[in-house]
């Protein structure tokens, strides 16, 4: 009987300790584990980054999620306490979901989003870089960023650009791709997991900044663009299988030599979007 009670006490203590664990969520990185990635983040906070508005993560643990929807569901269930997201993603979610609040801000160095290609596909990567560099030099990229990412107000005009809560989109507002006879088609995978940059509208179709960038690249390179939806965890698989020639984003930290989100068989374009802050998003305390 004593042995049984001792075992029961140990189980209760272990269960209690597990229940007290704090977890944070990240979108899946493709070349590291959740704990390794979280340690990289915390090391950058202590050595050169910063954390404000609270945020004691000394004993926190991390979990990866292959889609933003899965991570949001985990937050809603209480499986994680925070989602740690690029500032532009968090800002978007805070505008469209009043159940969320920002509990902390952190920095992990200069970050960038890049297109990903298979290692042997250098010719296509070089063409893509040529188009992106020209879009950077003539301010097209920054103008698109301001239109689709930075200058979205918290009012009904948000609906006009992104179709929030709309079942039927205004077709005149949809970004259109030029189609060219006898031109090659480039298959580009998008995830919808980094809105409003990598964004899927209410109608299930890609929209927003990523589509605007791709439409302009298609015009400059005189190629046809074909889009397909995948989740964040399937980016490399889409390239390896040949389903996609390009994946719309891979994340780079410009202060690191070994990139936790870039597999060895993937090469990158120049960054098409830069940021340096992460927002920690939690459920709003209604008590």
C-alpha atoms as a PDB file:
ATOM      1  CA  UNK A   1       0.000   0.000   0.000  1.00  0.00           C
ATOM      2  CA  UNK A   2       2.834   2.390   0.891  1.00  0.00           C
ATOM      3  CA  UNK A   3       4.500   1.608  -2.422  1.00  0.00           C
ATOM      4  CA  UNK A   4       1.263   2.365  -4.259  1.00  0.00           C
ATOM      5  CA  UNK A   5       0.808   5.676  -2.423  1.00  0.00           C
ATOM      6  CA  UNK A   6       4.422   6.662  -3.128  1.00  0.00           C
ATOM      7  CA  UNK A   7       3.964   5.912  -6.832  1.00  0.00           C
ATOM      8  CA  UNK A   8       0.709   7.890  -6.878  1.00  0.00           C
ATOM      9  CA  UNK A   9       2.407  10.860  -5.200  1.00  0.00           C
ATOM     10  CA  UNK A  10       5.210  10.810  -7.761  1.00  0.00           C
ATOM     11  CA  UNK A  11       2.690  10.729 -10.622  1.00  0.00           C
ATOM     12  CA  UNK A  12       0.741  13.632  -9.122  1.00  0.00           C
ATOM     13  CA  UNK A  13       3.892  15.698  -8.716  1.00  0.00           C
ATOM     14  CA  UNK A  14       4.971  14.911 -12.293  1.00  0.00           C
ATOM     15  CA  UNK A  15       1.512  15.774 -13.635  1.00  0.00           C
ATOM     16  CA  UNK A  16       1.458  19.007 -11.679  1.00  0.00           C
ATOM     17  CA  UNK A  17       4.914  19.953 -12.915  1.00  0.00           C
ATOM     18  CA  UNK A  18       3.876  19.260 -16.517  1.00  0.00           C
ATOM     19  CA  UNK A  19       0.742  21.356 -16.107  1.00  0.00           C
ATOM     20  CA  UNK A  20       2.824  24.286 -14.878  1.00  0.00           C
ATOM     21  CA  UNK A  21       5.128  24.255 -17.908  1.00  0.00           C
ATOM     22  CA  UNK A  22       4.889  27.309 -20.129  1.00  0.00           C
ATOM     23  CA  UNK A  23       4.989  26.687 -23.874  1.00  0.00           C
ATOM     24  CA  UNK A  24       5.512  29.069 -26.752  1.00  0.00           C
ATOM     25  CA  UNK A  25       4.627  28.295 -30.353  1.00  0.00           C
ATOM     26  CA  UNK A  26       6.568  28.900 -33.552  1.00  0.00           C
ATOM     27  CA  UNK A  27       5.872  28.109 -37.182  1.00  0.00           C
ATOM     28  CA  UNK A  28       8.031  25.120 -38.153  1.00  0.00           C
ATOM     29  CA  UNK A  29      11.654  25.793 -39.038  1.00  0.00           C
ATOM     30  CA  UNK A  30      13.065  23.141 -41.330  1.00  0.00           C
ATOM     31  CA  UNK A  31      16.573  22.554 -40.025  1.00  0.00           C
ATOM     32  CA  UNK A  32      16.301  22.541 -36.240  1.00  0.00           C
ATOM     33  CA  UNK A  33      14.173  21.323 -33.336  1.00  0.00           C
ATOM     34  CA  UNK A  34      11.793  23.552 -31.338  1.00  0.00           C
ATOM     35  CA  UNK A  35      14.090  23.565 -28.296  1.00  0.00           C
ATOM     36  CA  UNK A  36      17.188  24.345 -30.373  1.00  0.00           C
ATOM     37  CA  UNK A  37      15.442  27.169 -32.181  1.00  0.00           C
ATOM     38  CA  UNK A  38      14.050  28.651 -28.972  1.00  0.00           C
ATOM     39  CA  UNK A  39      17.529  28.562 -27.438  1.00  0.00           C
ATOM     40  CA  UNK A  40      18.855  30.504 -30.444  1.00  0.00           C
ATOM     41  CA  UNK A  41      16.151  33.089 -29.871  1.00  0.00           C
ATOM     42  CA  UNK A  42      16.837  33.398 -26.138  1.00  0.00           C
ATOM     43  CA  UNK A  43      20.602  33.591 -26.709  1.00  0.00           C
ATOM     44  CA  UNK A  44      20.098  36.477 -29.117  1.00  0.00           C
ATOM     45  CA  UNK A  45      17.934  38.265 -26.541  1.00  0.00           C
ATOM     46  CA  UNK A  46      20.653  38.011 -23.906  1.00  0.00           C
ATOM     47  CA  UNK A  47      23.643  38.836 -26.123  1.00  0.00           C
ATOM     48  CA  UNK A  48      22.476  41.467 -28.563  1.00  0.00           C
ATOM     49  CA  UNK A  49      18.724  41.550 -28.773  1.00  0.00           C
ATOM     50  CA  UNK A  50      16.176  42.773 -26.311  1.00  0.00           C
ATOM     51  CA  UNK A  51      12.914  41.842 -24.674  1.00  0.00           C
ATOM     52  CA  UNK A  52      10.456  44.435 -23.413  1.00  0.00           C
ATOM     53  CA  UNK A  53       6.891  44.501 -22.108  1.00  0.00           C
ATOM     54  CA  UNK A  54       7.599  41.562 -19.813  1.00  0.00           C
ATOM     55  CA  UNK A  55       8.430  38.109 -21.034  1.00  0.00           C
ATOM     56  CA  UNK A  56      10.254  35.865 -18.570  1.00  0.00           C
ATOM     57  CA  UNK A  57      10.972  32.777 -20.679  1.00  0.00           C
ATOM     58  CA  UNK A  58      13.597  31.215 -18.417  1.00  0.00           C
ATOM     59  CA  UNK A  59      11.715  27.937 -18.041  1.00  0.00           C
ATOM     60  CA  UNK A  60       9.513  28.073 -21.143  1.00  0.00           C
ATOM     61  CA  UNK A  61       9.514  25.295 -23.731  1.00  0.00           C
ATOM     62  CA  UNK A  62       8.768  25.503 -27.443  1.00  0.00           C
ATOM     63  CA  UNK A  63       6.555  23.718 -29.955  1.00  0.00           C
ATOM     64  CA  UNK A  64       6.522  23.855 -33.766  1.00  0.00           C
ATOM     65  CA  UNK A  65       3.368  23.997 -35.889  1.00  0.00           C
ATOM     66  CA  UNK A  66       3.214  23.367 -39.625  1.00  0.00           C
ATOM     67  CA  UNK A  67       0.444  25.923 -40.190  1.00  0.00           C
ATOM     68  CA  UNK A  68      -0.597  29.168 -38.559  1.00  0.00           C
ATOM     69  CA  UNK A  69      -4.113  27.784 -38.124  1.00  0.00           C
ATOM     70  CA  UNK A  70      -2.791  24.831 -36.122  1.00  0.00           C
ATOM     71  CA  UNK A  71      -0.841  27.185 -33.869  1.00  0.00           C
ATOM     72  CA  UNK A  72      -3.861  29.443 -33.338  1.00  0.00           C
ATOM     73  CA  UNK A  73      -5.952  26.419 -32.362  1.00  0.00           C
ATOM     74  CA  UNK A  74      -3.237  25.365 -29.898  1.00  0.00           C
ATOM     75  CA  UNK A  75      -3.316  28.840 -28.335  1.00  0.00           C
ATOM     76  CA  UNK A  76      -7.111  28.742 -28.107  1.00  0.00           C
ATOM     77  CA  UNK A  77      -6.954  25.324 -26.368  1.00  0.00           C
ATOM     78  CA  UNK A  78      -4.301  26.487 -23.900  1.00  0.00           C
ATOM     79  CA  UNK A  79      -1.722  24.075 -25.319  1.00  0.00           C
ATOM     80  CA  UNK A  80       0.677  27.014 -25.674  1.00  0.00           C
ATOM     81  CA  UNK A  81       0.757  30.341 -23.842  1.00  0.00           C
ATOM     82  CA  UNK A  82       2.161  32.485 -26.654  1.00  0.00           C
ATOM     83  CA  UNK A  83       2.662  32.536 -30.397  1.00  0.00           C
ATOM     84  CA  UNK A  84       5.982  34.164 -31.326  1.00  0.00           C
ATOM     85  CA  UNK A  85       5.556  35.699 -34.774  1.00  0.00           C
ATOM     86  CA  UNK A  86       7.173  38.283 -37.054  1.00  0.00           C
ATOM     87  CA  UNK A  87       5.806  41.706 -36.158  1.00  0.00           C
ATOM     88  CA  UNK A  88       3.873  42.082 -39.426  1.00  0.00           C
ATOM     89  CA  UNK A  89       2.052  38.755 -38.893  1.00  0.00           C
ATOM     90  CA  UNK A  90       1.217  39.527 -35.266  1.00  0.00           C
ATOM     91  CA  UNK A  91       0.049  43.034 -36.152  1.00  0.00           C
ATOM     92  CA  UNK A  92      -2.295  41.569 -38.761  1.00  0.00           C
ATOM     93  CA  UNK A  93      -3.721  39.003 -36.310  1.00  0.00           C
ATOM     94  CA  UNK A  94      -4.232  41.641 -33.617  1.00  0.00           C
ATOM     95  CA  UNK A  95      -6.241  43.766 -36.049  1.00  0.00           C
ATOM     96  CA  UNK A  96      -8.584  40.982 -37.158  1.00  0.00           C
ATOM     97  CA  UNK A  97      -8.927  39.017 -33.886  1.00  0.00           C
ATOM     98  CA  UNK A  98      -9.829  40.939 -30.743  1.00  0.00           C
ATOM     99  CA  UNK A  99      -9.314  37.831 -28.603  1.00  0.00           C
ATOM    100  CA  UNK A 100      -5.552  38.307 -29.012  1.00  0.00           C
ATOM    101  CA  UNK A 101      -3.207  40.709 -27.276  1.00  0.00           C
ATOM    102  CA  UNK A 102       0.499  41.452 -27.456  1.00  0.00           C
ATOM    103  CA  UNK A 103       2.324  40.457 -24.285  1.00  0.00           C
ATOM    104  CA  UNK A 104       5.960  40.924 -25.276  1.00  0.00           C
ATOM    105  CA  UNK A 105       8.247  42.222 -28.010  1.00  0.00           C
ATOM    106  CA  UNK A 106      11.615  40.685 -28.805  1.00  0.00           C
ATOM    107  CA  UNK A 107      14.368  41.073 -31.361  1.00  0.00           C
ATOM    108  CA  UNK A 108      16.580  38.389 -32.847  1.00  0.00           C
ATOM    109  CA  UNK A 109      18.659  40.398 -35.272  1.00  0.00           C
ATOM    110  CA  UNK A 110      18.044  41.473 -38.833  1.00  0.00           C
ATOM    111  CA  UNK A 111      15.589  39.051 -40.406  1.00  0.00           C
ATOM    112  CA  UNK A 112      14.636  38.564 -44.032  1.00  0.00           C
ATOM    113  CA  UNK A 113      12.198  36.526 -46.129  1.00  0.00           C
ATOM    114  CA  UNK A 114      13.516  34.950 -49.317  1.00  0.00           C
ATOM    115  CA  UNK A 115      12.314  32.790 -52.180  1.00  0.00           C
ATOM    116  CA  UNK A 116      13.637  29.220 -52.042  1.00  0.00           C
ATOM    117  CA  UNK A 117      14.915  27.137 -54.997  1.00  0.00           C
ATOM    118  CA  UNK A 118      16.482  23.715 -55.366  1.00  0.00           C
ATOM    119  CA  UNK A 119      20.265  23.915 -55.203  1.00  0.00           C
ATOM    120  CA  UNK A 120      20.760  23.065 -58.878  1.00  0.00           C
ATOM    121  CA  UNK A 121      18.284  25.694 -60.074  1.00  0.00           C
ATOM    122  CA  UNK A 122      20.727  28.612 -60.041  1.00  0.00           C
ATOM    123  CA  UNK A 123      19.617  29.974 -63.429  1.00  0.00           C
ATOM    124  CA  UNK A 124      16.068  30.600 -62.226  1.00  0.00           C
ATOM    125  CA  UNK A 125      17.361  31.996 -58.908  1.00  0.00           C
ATOM    126  CA  UNK A 126      19.588  34.458 -60.776  1.00  0.00           C
ATOM    127  CA  UNK A 127      16.681  35.645 -62.952  1.00  0.00           C
ATOM    128  CA  UNK A 128      14.517  36.085 -59.853  1.00  0.00           C
ATOM    129  CA  UNK A 129      17.289  38.104 -58.179  1.00  0.00           C
ATOM    130  CA  UNK A 130      17.565  40.304 -61.249  1.00  0.00           C
ATOM    131  CA  UNK A 131      13.856  41.110 -61.070  1.00  0.00           C
ATOM    132  CA  UNK A 132      13.884  41.645 -57.296  1.00  0.00           C
ATOM    133  CA  UNK A 133      16.919  43.923 -57.444  1.00  0.00           C
ATOM    134  CA  UNK A 134      15.303  46.038 -60.141  1.00  0.00           C
ATOM    135  CA  UNK A 135      12.103  46.228 -58.051  1.00  0.00           C
ATOM    136  CA  UNK A 136      14.179  47.339 -55.091  1.00  0.00           C
ATOM    137  CA  UNK A 137      16.086  49.988 -57.023  1.00  0.00           C
ATOM    138  CA  UNK A 138      12.963  51.598 -58.523  1.00  0.00           C
ATOM    139  CA  UNK A 139      11.064  51.448 -55.179  1.00  0.00           C
ATOM    140  CA  UNK A 140       8.440  48.977 -56.411  1.00  0.00           C
ATOM    141  CA  UNK A 141       9.068  46.593 -53.498  1.00  0.00           C
ATOM    142  CA  UNK A 142       8.807  49.288 -50.849  1.00  0.00           C
ATOM    143  CA  UNK A 143       5.637  50.699 -52.434  1.00  0.00           C
ATOM    144  CA  UNK A 144       4.026  47.249 -52.425  1.00  0.00           C
ATOM    145  CA  UNK A 145       5.120  46.724 -48.830  1.00  0.00           C
ATOM    146  CA  UNK A 146       3.482  49.982 -47.745  1.00  0.00           C
ATOM    147  CA  UNK A 147       0.289  49.181 -49.626  1.00  0.00           C
ATOM    148  CA  UNK A 148      -0.192  45.572 -48.530  1.00  0.00           C
ATOM    149  CA  UNK A 149       1.686  45.291 -45.224  1.00  0.00           C
ATOM    150  CA  UNK A 150       2.367  48.550 -43.384  1.00  0.00           C
ATOM    151  CA  UNK A 151      -0.423  50.983 -44.165  1.00  0.00           C
ATOM    152  CA  UNK A 152      -3.523  48.881 -43.591  1.00  0.00           C
ATOM    153  CA  UNK A 153      -5.913  50.803 -41.293  1.00  0.00           C
ATOM    154  CA  UNK A 154      -8.147  49.233 -38.654  1.00  0.00           C
ATOM    155  CA  UNK A 155     -11.431  50.004 -40.383  1.00  0.00           C
ATOM    156  CA  UNK A 156     -13.595  48.808 -43.255  1.00  0.00           C
ATOM    157  CA  UNK A 157     -10.948  49.629 -45.848  1.00  0.00           C
ATOM    158  CA  UNK A 158      -9.140  46.553 -44.517  1.00  0.00           C
ATOM    159  CA  UNK A 159     -11.962  44.589 -46.140  1.00  0.00           C
ATOM    160  CA  UNK A 160     -11.405  46.370 -49.415  1.00  0.00           C
ATOM    161  CA  UNK A 161      -7.851  45.031 -49.715  1.00  0.00           C
ATOM    162  CA  UNK A 162      -7.976  41.670 -47.967  1.00  0.00           C
ATOM    163  CA  UNK A 163     -11.623  40.643 -48.029  1.00  0.00           C
ATOM    164  CA  UNK A 164     -11.873  40.009 -44.284  1.00  0.00           C
ATOM    165  CA  UNK A 165     -15.232  38.325 -43.533  1.00  0.00           C
ATOM    166  CA  UNK A 166     -16.205  38.436 -47.182  1.00  0.00           C
ATOM    167  CA  UNK A 167     -17.450  35.362 -48.999  1.00  0.00           C
ATOM    168  CA  UNK A 168     -17.459  37.062 -52.363  1.00  0.00           C
ATOM    169  CA  UNK A 169     -14.431  39.115 -53.406  1.00  0.00           C
ATOM    170  CA  UNK A 170     -14.651  42.106 -55.686  1.00  0.00           C
ATOM    171  CA  UNK A 171     -13.060  40.681 -58.815  1.00  0.00           C
ATOM    172  CA  UNK A 172     -11.934  44.124 -59.944  1.00  0.00           C
ATOM    173  CA  UNK A 173      -9.684  44.383 -56.882  1.00  0.00           C
ATOM    174  CA  UNK A 174      -8.017  40.998 -57.333  1.00  0.00           C
ATOM    175  CA  UNK A 175      -4.375  41.176 -58.415  1.00  0.00           C
ATOM    176  CA  UNK A 176      -4.119  39.837 -61.930  1.00  0.00           C
ATOM    177  CA  UNK A 177      -1.300  37.897 -63.564  1.00  0.00           C
ATOM    178  CA  UNK A 178      -0.357  38.616 -67.136  1.00  0.00           C
ATOM    179  CA  UNK A 179      -0.481  35.560 -69.410  1.00  0.00           C
ATOM    180  CA  UNK A 180       2.034  35.146 -72.229  1.00  0.00           C
ATOM    181  CA  UNK A 181       1.745  32.766 -75.184  1.00  0.00           C
ATOM    182  CA  UNK A 182       4.781  30.527 -75.710  1.00  0.00           C
ATOM    183  CA  UNK A 183       6.325  31.667 -72.394  1.00  0.00           C
ATOM    184  CA  UNK A 184       7.506  29.267 -69.671  1.00  0.00           C
ATOM    185  CA  UNK A 185       5.372  28.673 -66.585  1.00  0.00           C
ATOM    186  CA  UNK A 186       6.957  28.924 -63.134  1.00  0.00           C
ATOM    187  CA  UNK A 187       5.190  27.043 -60.333  1.00  0.00           C
ATOM    188  CA  UNK A 188       5.337  28.989 -57.062  1.00  0.00           C
ATOM    189  CA  UNK A 189       4.212  27.574 -53.708  1.00  0.00           C
ATOM    190  CA  UNK A 190       2.622  29.878 -51.133  1.00  0.00           C
ATOM    191  CA  UNK A 191       1.575  28.907 -47.612  1.00  0.00           C
ATOM    192  CA  UNK A 192      -0.816  31.504 -46.260  1.00  0.00           C
ATOM    193  CA  UNK A 193       1.025  31.172 -42.951  1.00  0.00           C
ATOM    194  CA  UNK A 194       2.532  34.671 -42.835  1.00  0.00           C
ATOM    195  CA  UNK A 195      -0.384  37.037 -43.440  1.00  0.00           C
ATOM    196  CA  UNK A 196      -0.623  39.684 -44.741  1.00  0.00           C
ATOM    197  CA  UNK A 197       2.591  38.867 -46.661  1.00  0.00           C
ATOM    198  CA  UNK A 198       1.958  35.210 -47.460  1.00  0.00           C
ATOM    199  CA  UNK A 199      -1.816  35.490 -47.433  1.00  0.00           C
ATOM    200  CA  UNK A 200      -4.818  33.335 -48.406  1.00  0.00           C
ATOM    201  CA  UNK A 201      -8.126  35.180 -48.777  1.00  0.00           C
ATOM    202  CA  UNK A 202     -11.566  34.161 -47.560  1.00  0.00           C
ATOM    203  CA  UNK A 203     -12.211  32.606 -50.956  1.00  0.00           C
ATOM    204  CA  UNK A 204      -9.237  30.252 -50.505  1.00  0.00           C
ATOM    205  CA  UNK A 205      -7.082  31.986 -53.124  1.00  0.00           C
ATOM    206  CA  UNK A 206      -3.638  33.559 -52.563  1.00  0.00           C
ATOM    207  CA  UNK A 207      -3.721  37.336 -52.354  1.00  0.00           C
ATOM    208  CA  UNK A 208      -1.951  40.370 -50.918  1.00  0.00           C
ATOM    209  CA  UNK A 209       1.740  41.240 -50.913  1.00  0.00           C
ATOM    210  CA  UNK A 210       3.060  37.913 -52.145  1.00  0.00           C
ATOM    211  CA  UNK A 211       0.757  37.854 -55.156  1.00  0.00           C
ATOM    212  CA  UNK A 212       1.518  41.498 -55.984  1.00  0.00           C
ATOM    213  CA  UNK A 213       5.271  40.782 -55.907  1.00  0.00           C
ATOM    214  CA  UNK A 214       4.893  37.679 -58.055  1.00  0.00           C
ATOM    215  CA  UNK A 215       2.677  39.451 -60.581  1.00  0.00           C
ATOM    216  CA  UNK A 216       5.346  42.131 -61.021  1.00  0.00           C
ATOM    217  CA  UNK A 217       8.146  39.550 -61.330  1.00  0.00           C
ATOM    218  CA  UNK A 218       6.104  37.734 -63.982  1.00  0.00           C
ATOM    219  CA  UNK A 219       5.775  40.960 -65.978  1.00  0.00           C
ATOM    220  CA  UNK A 220       9.474  41.796 -65.719  1.00  0.00           C
ATOM    221  CA  UNK A 221      10.681  38.314 -66.639  1.00  0.00           C
ATOM    222  CA  UNK A 222       7.897  37.688 -69.171  1.00  0.00           C
ATOM    223  CA  UNK A 223       6.936  34.359 -67.573  1.00  0.00           C
ATOM    224  CA  UNK A 224       3.633  32.838 -66.519  1.00  0.00           C
ATOM    225  CA  UNK A 225       3.125  32.288 -62.779  1.00  0.00           C
ATOM    226  CA  UNK A 226       1.167  29.308 -61.470  1.00  0.00           C
ATOM    227  CA  UNK A 227       0.339  29.275 -57.732  1.00  0.00           C
ATOM    228  CA  UNK A 228      -0.238  26.330 -55.406  1.00  0.00           C
ATOM    229  CA  UNK A 229      -0.990  26.251 -51.695  1.00  0.00           C
ATOM    230  CA  UNK A 230       1.145  24.246 -49.247  1.00  0.00           C
ATOM    231  CA  UNK A 231       1.777  24.471 -45.502  1.00  0.00           C
ATOM    232  CA  UNK A 232       4.941  25.806 -43.895  1.00  0.00           C
ATOM    233  CA  UNK A 233       6.282  22.379 -42.995  1.00  0.00           C
ATOM    234  CA  UNK A 234       6.001  21.115 -46.601  1.00  0.00           C
ATOM    235  CA  UNK A 235       8.101  23.799 -48.291  1.00  0.00           C
ATOM    236  CA  UNK A 236      11.151  21.668 -49.037  1.00  0.00           C
ATOM    237  CA  UNK A 237       9.023  18.664 -49.983  1.00  0.00           C
ATOM    238  CA  UNK A 238       7.249  20.771 -52.603  1.00  0.00           C
ATOM    239  CA  UNK A 239      10.597  21.652 -54.194  1.00  0.00           C
ATOM    240  CA  UNK A 240      12.097  18.161 -54.003  1.00  0.00           C
ATOM    241  CA  UNK A 241       8.979  16.536 -55.483  1.00  0.00           C
ATOM    242  CA  UNK A 242       8.854  19.015 -58.363  1.00  0.00           C
ATOM    243  CA  UNK A 243       5.403  20.253 -57.405  1.00  0.00           C
ATOM    244  CA  UNK A 244       6.934  23.724 -57.137  1.00  0.00           C
ATOM    245  CA  UNK A 245       9.872  25.441 -58.834  1.00  0.00           C
ATOM    246  CA  UNK A 246       9.941  28.104 -56.118  1.00  0.00           C
ATOM    247  CA  UNK A 247       8.652  28.438 -52.566  1.00  0.00           C
ATOM    248  CA  UNK A 248       7.632  31.951 -51.664  1.00  0.00           C
ATOM    249  CA  UNK A 249       9.445  32.279 -48.340  1.00  0.00           C
ATOM    250  CA  UNK A 250      12.363  31.002 -46.322  1.00  0.00           C
ATOM    251  CA  UNK A 251      13.430  32.879 -43.203  1.00  0.00           C
ATOM    252  CA  UNK A 252      17.006  34.062 -42.731  1.00  0.00           C
ATOM    253  CA  UNK A 253      18.717  35.667 -39.751  1.00  0.00           C
ATOM    254  CA  UNK A 254      21.481  37.836 -41.160  1.00  0.00           C
ATOM    255  CA  UNK A 255      23.524  37.471 -37.950  1.00  0.00           C
ATOM    256  CA  UNK A 256      23.761  33.667 -38.240  1.00  0.00           C
ATOM    257  CA  UNK A 257      25.944  31.523 -40.485  1.00  0.00           C
ATOM    258  CA  UNK A 258      23.862  28.383 -39.995  1.00  0.00           C
ATOM    259  CA  UNK A 259      20.266  29.160 -40.938  1.00  0.00           C
ATOM    260  CA  UNK A 260      17.673  27.132 -38.967  1.00  0.00           C
ATOM    261  CA  UNK A 261      15.017  27.507 -41.679  1.00  0.00           C
ATOM    262  CA  UNK A 262      17.120  26.711 -44.761  1.00  0.00           C
ATOM    263  CA  UNK A 263      17.851  23.043 -45.636  1.00  0.00           C
ATOM    264  CA  UNK A 264      21.184  22.197 -47.246  1.00  0.00           C
ATOM    265  CA  UNK A 265      19.669  21.449 -50.666  1.00  0.00           C
ATOM    266  CA  UNK A 266      17.893  24.821 -50.926  1.00  0.00           C
ATOM    267  CA  UNK A 267      19.340  28.089 -52.265  1.00  0.00           C
ATOM    268  CA  UNK A 268      17.810  31.502 -51.699  1.00  0.00           C
ATOM    269  CA  UNK A 269      16.997  34.682 -53.529  1.00  0.00           C
ATOM    270  CA  UNK A 270      17.910  38.063 -52.135  1.00  0.00           C
ATOM    271  CA  UNK A 271      15.478  39.030 -49.331  1.00  0.00           C
ATOM    272  CA  UNK A 272      12.207  40.534 -50.507  1.00  0.00           C
ATOM    273  CA  UNK A 273      11.048  41.662 -47.048  1.00  0.00           C
ATOM    274  CA  UNK A 274      13.055  42.630 -43.956  1.00  0.00           C
ATOM    275  CA  UNK A 275      12.135  43.020 -40.281  1.00  0.00           C
ATOM    276  CA  UNK A 276      13.819  42.906 -36.858  1.00  0.00           C
ATOM    277  CA  UNK A 277      11.074  42.405 -34.273  1.00  0.00           C
ATOM    278  CA  UNK A 278       8.935  39.500 -33.087  1.00  0.00           C
ATOM    279  CA  UNK A 279       5.642  40.053 -31.269  1.00  0.00           C
ATOM    280  CA  UNK A 280       4.505  37.551 -28.637  1.00  0.00           C
ATOM    281  CA  UNK A 281       0.749  37.039 -29.018  1.00  0.00           C
ATOM    282  CA  UNK A 282      -1.427  35.583 -26.267  1.00  0.00           C
ATOM    283  CA  UNK A 283      -5.132  35.288 -25.497  1.00  0.00           C
ATOM    284  CA  UNK A 284      -6.701  38.432 -24.109  1.00  0.00           C
ATOM    285  CA  UNK A 285      -7.358  38.217 -20.365  1.00  0.00           C
ATOM    286  CA  UNK A 286     -11.112  38.728 -20.008  1.00  0.00           C
ATOM    287  CA  UNK A 287     -11.256  38.362 -16.223  1.00  0.00           C
END
